[in-house]
Structures are given as C-alpha cells and as structure tokens.
PDB file of N, CA and C in Angstrom:
ATOM      1  N   MET A   1      -1.202   1.874 -12.990  1.00  0.00           N
ATOM      2  CA  MET A   1      -1.336   1.390 -11.637  1.00  0.00           C
ATOM      3  C   MET A   1      -0.312   2.098 -10.770  1.00  0.00           C
ATOM      4  N   ILE A   2      -0.738   2.458  -9.573  1.00  0.00           N
ATOM      5  CA  ILE A   2       0.152   3.107  -8.614  1.00  0.00           C
ATOM      6  C   ILE A   2       0.185   2.277  -7.332  1.00  0.00           C
ATOM      7  N   ALA A   3       1.383   1.883  -6.937  1.00  0.00           N
ATOM      8  CA  ALA A   3       1.564   1.123  -5.704  1.00  0.00           C
ATOM      9  C   ALA A   3       1.647   2.104  -4.532  1.00  0.00           C
ATOM     10  N   VAL A   4       0.943   1.778  -3.446  1.00  0.00           N
ATOM     11  CA  VAL A   4       0.941   2.625  -2.250  1.00  0.00           C
ATOM     12  C   VAL A   4       1.427   1.785  -1.072  1.00  0.00           C
ATOM     13  N   PHE A   5       2.631   2.097  -0.583  1.00  0.00           N
ATOM     14  CA  PHE A   5       3.172   1.400   0.584  1.00  0.00           C
ATOM     15  C   PHE A   5       2.672   2.068   1.859  1.00  0.00           C
ATOM     16  N   GLY A   6       2.470   1.263   2.909  1.00  0.00           N
ATOM     17  CA  GLY A   6       1.965   1.793   4.175  1.00  0.00           C
ATOM     18  C   GLY A   6       0.523   2.237   4.056  1.00  0.00           C
ATOM     19  N   ALA A   7      -0.237   1.491   3.278  1.00  0.00           N
ATOM     20  CA  ALA A   7      -1.557   1.941   2.839  1.00  0.00           C
ATOM     21  C   ALA A   7      -2.649   1.876   3.892  1.00  0.00           C
ATOM     22  N   TYR A   8      -2.400   1.313   5.062  1.00  0.00           N
ATOM     23  CA  TYR A   8      -3.476   1.294   6.054  1.00  0.00           C
ATOM     24  C   TYR A   8      -3.358   2.442   7.047  1.00  0.00           C
ATOM     25  N   GLY A   9      -2.462   3.358   6.793  1.00  0.00           N
ATOM     26  CA  GLY A   9      -2.344   4.528   7.654  1.00  0.00           C
ATOM     27  C   GLY A   9      -3.384   5.591   7.311  1.00  0.00           C
ATOM     28  N   HIS A  10      -3.519   6.557   8.192  1.00  0.00           N
ATOM     29  CA  HIS A  10      -4.521   7.615   8.056  1.00  0.00           C
ATOM     30  C   HIS A  10      -4.349   8.410   6.757  1.00  0.00           C
ATOM     31  N   THR A  11      -3.156   8.914   6.517  1.00  0.00           N
ATOM     32  CA  THR A  11      -2.905   9.722   5.318  1.00  0.00           C
ATOM     33  C   THR A  11      -3.064   8.891   4.052  1.00  0.00           C
ATOM     34  N   ALA A  12      -2.628   7.664   4.086  1.00  0.00           N
ATOM     35  CA  ALA A  12      -2.741   6.806   2.902  1.00  0.00           C
ATOM     36  C   ALA A  12      -4.194   6.587   2.503  1.00  0.00           C
ATOM     37  N   GLY A  13      -5.113   6.637   3.454  1.00  0.00           N
ATOM     38  CA  GLY A  13      -6.533   6.535   3.118  1.00  0.00           C
ATOM     39  C   GLY A  13      -6.975   7.681   2.226  1.00  0.00           C
ATOM     40  N   PHE A  14      -6.477   8.892   2.532  1.00  0.00           N
ATOM     41  CA  PHE A  14      -6.770  10.053   1.691  1.00  0.00           C
ATOM     42  C   PHE A  14      -6.113   9.912   0.316  1.00  0.00           C
ATOM     43  N   VAL A  15      -4.877   9.431   0.308  1.00  0.00           N
ATOM     44  CA  VAL A  15      -4.154   9.229  -0.952  1.00  0.00           C
ATOM     45  C   VAL A  15      -4.912   8.241  -1.835  1.00  0.00           C
ATOM     46  N   THR A  16      -5.352   7.134  -1.255  1.00  0.00           N
ATOM     47  CA  THR A  16      -6.079   6.120  -2.012  1.00  0.00           C
ATOM     48  C   THR A  16      -7.380   6.682  -2.574  1.00  0.00           C
ATOM     49  N   ALA A  17      -8.119   7.408  -1.762  1.00  0.00           N
ATOM     50  CA  ALA A  17      -9.375   8.000  -2.231  1.00  0.00           C
ATOM     51  C   ALA A  17      -9.124   8.965  -3.389  1.00  0.00           C
ATOM     52  N   GLU A  18      -8.074   9.742  -3.298  1.00  0.00           N
ATOM     53  CA  GLU A  18      -7.751  10.697  -4.366  1.00  0.00           C
ATOM     54  C   GLU A  18      -7.337   9.977  -5.646  1.00  0.00           C
ATOM     55  N   LEU A  19      -6.538   8.928  -5.515  1.00  0.00           N
ATOM     56  CA  LEU A  19      -6.154   8.145  -6.702  1.00  0.00           C
ATOM     57  C   LEU A  19      -7.383   7.577  -7.396  1.00  0.00           C
ATOM     58  N   LEU A  20      -8.298   7.022  -6.619  1.00  0.00           N
ATOM     59  CA  LEU A  20      -9.523   6.463  -7.191  1.00  0.00           C
ATOM     60  C   LEU A  20     -10.353   7.546  -7.873  1.00  0.00           C
ATOM     61  N   GLU A  21     -10.454   8.703  -7.226  1.00  0.00           N
ATOM     62  CA  GLU A  21     -11.221   9.817  -7.800  1.00  0.00           C
ATOM     63  C   GLU A  21     -10.640  10.267  -9.138  1.00  0.00           C
ATOM     64  N   ARG A  22      -9.319  10.197  -9.258  1.00  0.00           N
ATOM     65  CA  ARG A  22      -8.652  10.637 -10.486  1.00  0.00           C
ATOM     66  C   ARG A  22      -8.556   9.534 -11.539  1.00  0.00           C
ATOM     67  N   GLY A  23      -9.128   8.372 -11.233  1.00  0.00           N
ATOM     68  CA  GLY A  23      -9.165   7.306 -12.221  1.00  0.00           C
ATOM     69  C   GLY A  23      -7.970   6.369 -12.231  1.00  0.00           C
ATOM     70  N   TRP A  24      -7.098   6.490 -11.253  1.00  0.00           N
ATOM     71  CA  TRP A  24      -5.949   5.586 -11.152  1.00  0.00           C
ATOM     72  C   TRP A  24      -6.374   4.276 -10.492  1.00  0.00           C
ATOM     73  N   THR A  25      -5.609   3.251 -10.738  1.00  0.00           N
ATOM     74  CA  THR A  25      -5.820   1.966 -10.086  1.00  0.00           C
ATOM     75  C   THR A  25      -4.738   1.792  -9.033  1.00  0.00           C
ATOM     76  N   PRO A  26      -5.060   2.022  -7.759  1.00  0.00           N
ATOM     77  CA  PRO A  26      -4.047   1.816  -6.727  1.00  0.00           C
ATOM     78  C   PRO A  26      -3.943   0.339  -6.349  1.00  0.00           C
ATOM     79  N   VAL A  27      -2.733  -0.071  -6.052  1.00  0.00           N
ATOM     80  CA  VAL A  27      -2.490  -1.372  -5.426  1.00  0.00           C
ATOM     81  C   VAL A  27      -1.887  -1.048  -4.075  1.00  0.00           C
ATOM     82  N   LEU A  28      -2.571  -1.454  -3.034  1.00  0.00           N
ATOM     83  CA  LEU A  28      -2.198  -1.085  -1.677  1.00  0.00           C
ATOM     84  C   LEU A  28      -1.311  -2.143  -1.047  1.00  0.00           C
ATOM     85  N   SER A  29      -0.408  -1.696  -0.194  1.00  0.00           N
ATOM     86  CA  SER A  29       0.519  -2.620   0.433  1.00  0.00           C
ATOM     87  C   SER A  29       0.779  -2.240   1.883  1.00  0.00           C
ATOM     88  N   GLY A  30       0.910  -3.272   2.692  1.00  0.00           N
ATOM     89  CA  GLY A  30       1.277  -3.134   4.089  1.00  0.00           C
ATOM     90  C   GLY A  30       1.829  -4.466   4.555  1.00  0.00           C
ATOM     91  N   ARG A  31       2.414  -4.488   5.731  1.00  0.00           N
ATOM     92  CA  ARG A  31       3.027  -5.734   6.201  1.00  0.00           C
ATOM     93  C   ARG A  31       2.116  -6.536   7.134  1.00  0.00           C
ATOM     94  N   ASP A  32       1.006  -5.935   7.567  1.00  0.00           N
ATOM     95  CA  ASP A  32       0.126  -6.579   8.540  1.00  0.00           C
ATOM     96  C   ASP A  32      -1.210  -6.942   7.885  1.00  0.00           C
ATOM     97  N   ALA A  33      -1.477  -8.228   7.749  1.00  0.00           N
ATOM     98  CA  ALA A  33      -2.689  -8.690   7.055  1.00  0.00           C
ATOM     99  C   ALA A  33      -3.964  -8.229   7.754  1.00  0.00           C
ATOM    100  N   THR A  34      -3.968  -8.201   9.073  1.00  0.00           N
ATOM    101  CA  THR A  34      -5.164  -7.784   9.816  1.00  0.00           C
ATOM    102  C   THR A  34      -5.464  -6.302   9.582  1.00  0.00           C
ATOM    103  N   LYS A  35      -4.445  -5.456   9.680  1.00  0.00           N
ATOM    104  CA  LYS A  35      -4.645  -4.030   9.436  1.00  0.00           C
ATOM    105  C   LYS A  35      -5.016  -3.770   7.982  1.00  0.00           C
ATOM    106  N   SER A  36      -4.419  -4.526   7.074  1.00  0.00           N
ATOM    107  CA  SER A  36      -4.725  -4.372   5.656  1.00  0.00           C
ATOM    108  C   SER A  36      -6.191  -4.677   5.385  1.00  0.00           C
ATOM    109  N   ALA A  37      -6.699  -5.735   5.971  1.00  0.00           N
ATOM    110  CA  ALA A  37      -8.106  -6.107   5.779  1.00  0.00           C
ATOM    111  C   ALA A  37      -9.034  -5.046   6.350  1.00  0.00           C
ATOM    112  N   ALA A  38      -8.655  -4.458   7.476  1.00  0.00           N
ATOM    113  CA  ALA A  38      -9.496  -3.442   8.110  1.00  0.00           C
ATOM    114  C   ALA A  38      -9.541  -2.150   7.291  1.00  0.00           C
ATOM    115  N   ALA A  39      -8.500  -1.890   6.508  1.00  0.00           N
ATOM    116  CA  ALA A  39      -8.422  -0.655   5.725  1.00  0.00           C
ATOM    117  C   ALA A  39      -8.814  -0.861   4.265  1.00  0.00           C
ATOM    118  N   ALA A  40      -9.442  -1.973   3.973  1.00  0.00           N
ATOM    119  CA  ALA A  40      -9.760  -2.319   2.582  1.00  0.00           C
ATOM    120  C   ALA A  40     -10.693  -1.305   1.938  1.00  0.00           C
ATOM    121  N   HIS A  41     -10.454  -1.066   0.673  1.00  0.00           N
ATOM    122  CA  HIS A  41     -11.335  -0.260  -0.170  1.00  0.00           C
ATOM    123  C   HIS A  41     -11.983  -1.222  -1.156  1.00  0.00           C
ATOM    124  N   PRO A  42     -13.272  -1.111  -1.395  1.00  0.00           N
ATOM    125  CA  PRO A  42     -13.946  -2.035  -2.313  1.00  0.00           C
ATOM    126  C   PRO A  42     -13.283  -2.065  -3.691  1.00  0.00           C
ATOM    127  N   GLY A  43     -12.956  -3.265  -4.139  1.00  0.00           N
ATOM    128  CA  GLY A  43     -12.401  -3.450  -5.472  1.00  0.00           C
ATOM    129  C   GLY A  43     -10.938  -3.086  -5.628  1.00  0.00           C
ATOM    130  N   VAL A  44     -10.262  -2.760  -4.530  1.00  0.00           N
ATOM    131  CA  VAL A  44      -8.853  -2.384  -4.604  1.00  0.00           C
ATOM    132  C   VAL A  44      -7.999  -3.549  -4.118  1.00  0.00           C
ATOM    133  N   GLU A  45      -6.987  -3.894  -4.901  1.00  0.00           N
ATOM    134  CA  GLU A  45      -6.115  -5.024  -4.588  1.00  0.00           C
ATOM    135  C   GLU A  45      -5.128  -4.671  -3.480  1.00  0.00           C
ATOM    136  N   TRP A  46      -4.892  -5.650  -2.598  1.00  0.00           N
ATOM    137  CA  TRP A  46      -3.876  -5.552  -1.551  1.00  0.00           C
ATOM    138  C   TRP A  46      -2.782  -6.560  -1.835  1.00  0.00           C
ATOM    139  N   ARG A  47      -1.543  -6.150  -1.618  1.00  0.00           N
ATOM    140  CA  ARG A  47      -0.401  -7.063  -1.703  1.00  0.00           C
ATOM    141  C   ARG A  47       0.426  -6.866  -0.441  1.00  0.00           C
ATOM    142  N   LEU A  48       0.528  -7.916   0.357  1.00  0.00           N
ATOM    143  CA  LEU A  48       1.321  -7.821   1.590  1.00  0.00           C
ATOM    144  C   LEU A  48       2.805  -7.771   1.251  1.00  0.00           C
ATOM    145  N   ALA A  49       3.535  -6.936   1.987  1.00  0.00           N
ATOM    146  CA  ALA A  49       4.971  -6.809   1.769  1.00  0.00           C
ATOM    147  C   ALA A  49       5.637  -6.314   3.041  1.00  0.00           C
ATOM    148  N   SER A  50       6.911  -6.610   3.133  1.00  0.00           N
ATOM    149  CA  SER A  50       7.707  -6.167   4.280  1.00  0.00           C
ATOM    150  C   SER A  50       9.077  -5.736   3.781  1.00  0.00           C
ATOM    151  N   ALA A  51       9.626  -4.711   4.385  1.00  0.00           N
ATOM    152  CA  ALA A  51      10.972  -4.263   4.031  1.00  0.00           C
ATOM    153  C   ALA A  51      12.007  -5.345   4.310  1.00  0.00           C
ATOM    154  N   ASP A  52      11.660  -6.313   5.164  1.00  0.00           N
ATOM    155  CA  ASP A  52      12.552  -7.422   5.471  1.00  0.00           C
ATOM    156  C   ASP A  52      12.560  -8.480   4.371  1.00  0.00           C
ATOM    157  N   ASP A  53      11.673  -8.334   3.390  1.00  0.00           N
ATOM    158  CA  ASP A  53      11.533  -9.326   2.324  1.00  0.00           C
ATOM    159  C   ASP A  53      11.546  -8.622   0.961  1.00  0.00           C
ATOM    160  N   PRO A  54      12.732  -8.413   0.385  1.00  0.00           N
ATOM    161  CA  PRO A  54      12.831  -7.682  -0.872  1.00  0.00           C
ATOM    162  C   PRO A  54      11.970  -8.266  -2.003  1.00  0.00           C
ATOM    163  N   ALA A  55      11.804  -9.563  -2.047  1.00  0.00           N
ATOM    164  CA  ALA A  55      10.974 -10.172  -3.100  1.00  0.00           C
ATOM    165  C   ALA A  55       9.520  -9.724  -2.970  1.00  0.00           C
ATOM    166  N   SER A  56       9.044  -9.535  -1.732  1.00  0.00           N
ATOM    167  CA  SER A  56       7.660  -9.078  -1.551  1.00  0.00           C
ATOM    168  C   SER A  56       7.499  -7.642  -2.052  1.00  0.00           C
ATOM    169  N   LEU A  57       8.534  -6.824  -1.893  1.00  0.00           N
ATOM    170  CA  LEU A  57       8.494  -5.458  -2.414  1.00  0.00           C
ATOM    171  C   LEU A  57       8.448  -5.468  -3.939  1.00  0.00           C
ATOM    172  N   ASP A  58       9.233  -6.360  -4.532  1.00  0.00           N
ATOM    173  CA  ASP A  58       9.209  -6.504  -5.992  1.00  0.00           C
ATOM    174  C   ASP A  58       7.822  -6.871  -6.492  1.00  0.00           C
ATOM    175  N   ARG A  59       7.138  -7.756  -5.759  1.00  0.00           N
ATOM    176  CA  ARG A  59       5.790  -8.175  -6.167  1.00  0.00           C
ATOM    177  C   ARG A  59       4.804  -7.003  -6.112  1.00  0.00           C
ATOM    178  N   VAL A  60       4.974  -6.126  -5.139  1.00  0.00           N
ATOM    179  CA  VAL A  60       4.071  -4.976  -5.014  1.00  0.00           C
ATOM    180  C   VAL A  60       4.255  -4.015  -6.189  1.00  0.00           C
ATOM    181  N   ILE A  61       5.490  -3.742  -6.555  1.00  0.00           N
ATOM    182  CA  ILE A  61       5.721  -2.731  -7.585  1.00  0.00           C
ATOM    183  C   ILE A  61       5.696  -3.284  -9.006  1.00  0.00           C
ATOM    184  N   ALA A  62       5.548  -4.591  -9.157  1.00  0.00           N
ATOM    185  CA  ALA A  62       5.490  -5.174 -10.503  1.00  0.00           C
ATOM    186  C   ALA A  62       4.355  -4.539 -11.297  1.00  0.00           C
ATOM    187  N   GLY A  63       4.689  -3.929 -12.415  1.00  0.00           N
ATOM    188  CA  GLY A  63       3.693  -3.311 -13.278  1.00  0.00           C
ATOM    189  C   GLY A  63       3.274  -1.908 -12.872  1.00  0.00           C
ATOM    190  N   ALA A  64       3.877  -1.360 -11.821  1.00  0.00           N
ATOM    191  CA  ALA A  64       3.478  -0.031 -11.340  1.00  0.00           C
ATOM    192  C   ALA A  64       4.045   1.073 -12.223  1.00  0.00           C
ATOM    193  N   ASP A  65       3.235   2.097 -12.443  1.00  0.00           N
ATOM    194  CA  ASP A  65       3.686   3.301 -13.135  1.00  0.00           C
ATOM    195  C   ASP A  65       4.364   4.259 -12.161  1.00  0.00           C
ATOM    196  N   ALA A  66       4.004   4.143 -10.892  1.00  0.00           N
ATOM    197  CA  ALA A  66       4.561   5.010  -9.852  1.00  0.00           C
ATOM    198  C   ALA A  66       4.401   4.316  -8.506  1.00  0.00           C
ATOM    199  N   VAL A  67       5.161   4.798  -7.528  1.00  0.00           N
ATOM    200  CA  VAL A  67       5.096   4.277  -6.158  1.00  0.00           C
ATOM    201  C   VAL A  67       4.924   5.458  -5.209  1.00  0.00           C
ATOM    202  N   ILE A  68       3.987   5.334  -4.287  1.00  0.00           N
ATOM    203  CA  ILE A  68       3.821   6.313  -3.218  1.00  0.00           C
ATOM    204  C   ILE A  68       4.158   5.598  -1.919  1.00  0.00           C
ATOM    205  N   ASN A  69       5.116   6.155  -1.185  1.00  0.00           N
ATOM    206  CA  ASN A  69       5.537   5.532   0.062  1.00  0.00           C
ATOM    207  C   ASN A  69       4.954   6.300   1.242  1.00  0.00           C
ATOM    208  N   ARG A  70       3.965   5.705   1.887  1.00  0.00           N
ATOM    209  CA  ARG A  70       3.386   6.279   3.104  1.00  0.00           C
ATOM    210  C   ARG A  70       3.800   5.457   4.315  1.00  0.00           C
ATOM    211  N   ARG A  71       4.770   4.589   4.148  1.00  0.00           N
ATOM    212  CA  ARG A  71       5.270   3.782   5.249  1.00  0.00           C
ATOM    213  C   ARG A  71       5.969   4.683   6.251  1.00  0.00           C
ATOM    214  N   SER A  72       5.766   4.414   7.503  1.00  0.00           N
ATOM    215  CA  SER A  72       6.359   5.205   8.564  1.00  0.00           C
ATOM    216  C   SER A  72       7.881   5.054   8.561  1.00  0.00           C
ATOM    217  N   ALA A  73       8.558   6.144   8.869  1.00  0.00           N
ATOM    218  CA  ALA A  73      10.005   6.100   9.008  1.00  0.00           C
ATOM    219  C   ALA A  73      10.423   5.590  10.379  1.00  0.00           C
ATOM    220  N   THR A  74       9.445   5.420  11.255  1.00  0.00           N
ATOM    221  CA  THR A  74       9.712   4.946  12.615  1.00  0.00           C
ATOM    222  C   THR A  74       9.845   3.421  12.600  1.00  0.00           C
ATOM    223  N   PRO A  75      10.951   2.903  13.124  1.00  0.00           N
ATOM    224  CA  PRO A  75      11.098   1.441  13.148  1.00  0.00           C
ATOM    225  C   PRO A  75      10.005   0.794  13.984  1.00  0.00           C
ATOM    226  N   ARG A  76       9.560  -0.372  13.549  1.00  0.00           N
ATOM    227  CA  ARG A  76       8.536  -1.058  14.341  1.00  0.00           C
ATOM    228  C   ARG A  76       9.166  -1.637  15.598  1.00  0.00           C
ATOM    229  N   ARG A  77       8.368  -1.670  16.627  1.00  0.00           N
ATOM    230  CA  ARG A  77       8.834  -2.210  17.903  1.00  0.00           C
ATOM    231  C   ARG A  77       8.691  -3.720  17.889  1.00  0.00           C
ATOM    232  N   ARG A  78       9.623  -4.363  18.481  1.00  0.00           N
ATOM    233  CA  ARG A  78       9.585  -5.845  18.542  1.00  0.00           C
ATOM    234  C   ARG A  78       9.387  -6.293  19.954  1.00  0.00           C
TER     235      ARG A  78
END
C-alpha cells in the first residue's frame, strides 16, 4: 500500500492512476472532505488528515510501504 498525501490535486490524479496501473493499492489523503469526495477513484480508500493533527497523519501511513507527498508547500489561507 502506498499513501498519497494531497491526493485531490492535479498531479496526484496522475500519480494515483499510475499506481493503480502498476498494481499498487493507493490510500489517498487530503484535509478537505468535499475535495476528497470530488477526486474519488472507484474502489480507492480515502483517509482525511491534516498537518495540524499528527494522529491523523499516523492513521494515513499505518501499514504503508511508501508515502508520496503531493501536498502543496504553500500555506493555506485562513
């Protein structure tokens, strides 16, 4: 299993498709439930997480063989 952070972004969509094509099981993660639902891939698990919540990050990577971080380096606006 490969965890993909920032998975509802444009590039992460390509990453997810490639992982699926190569037979990997991606677990996708993002902090926004609405955006996550809109970017859903059939049969692919989503786990919500935020950098502000270390326990949520632990839940995403639990059991992962690798992590791909596509999360933006740009701070979110409040």
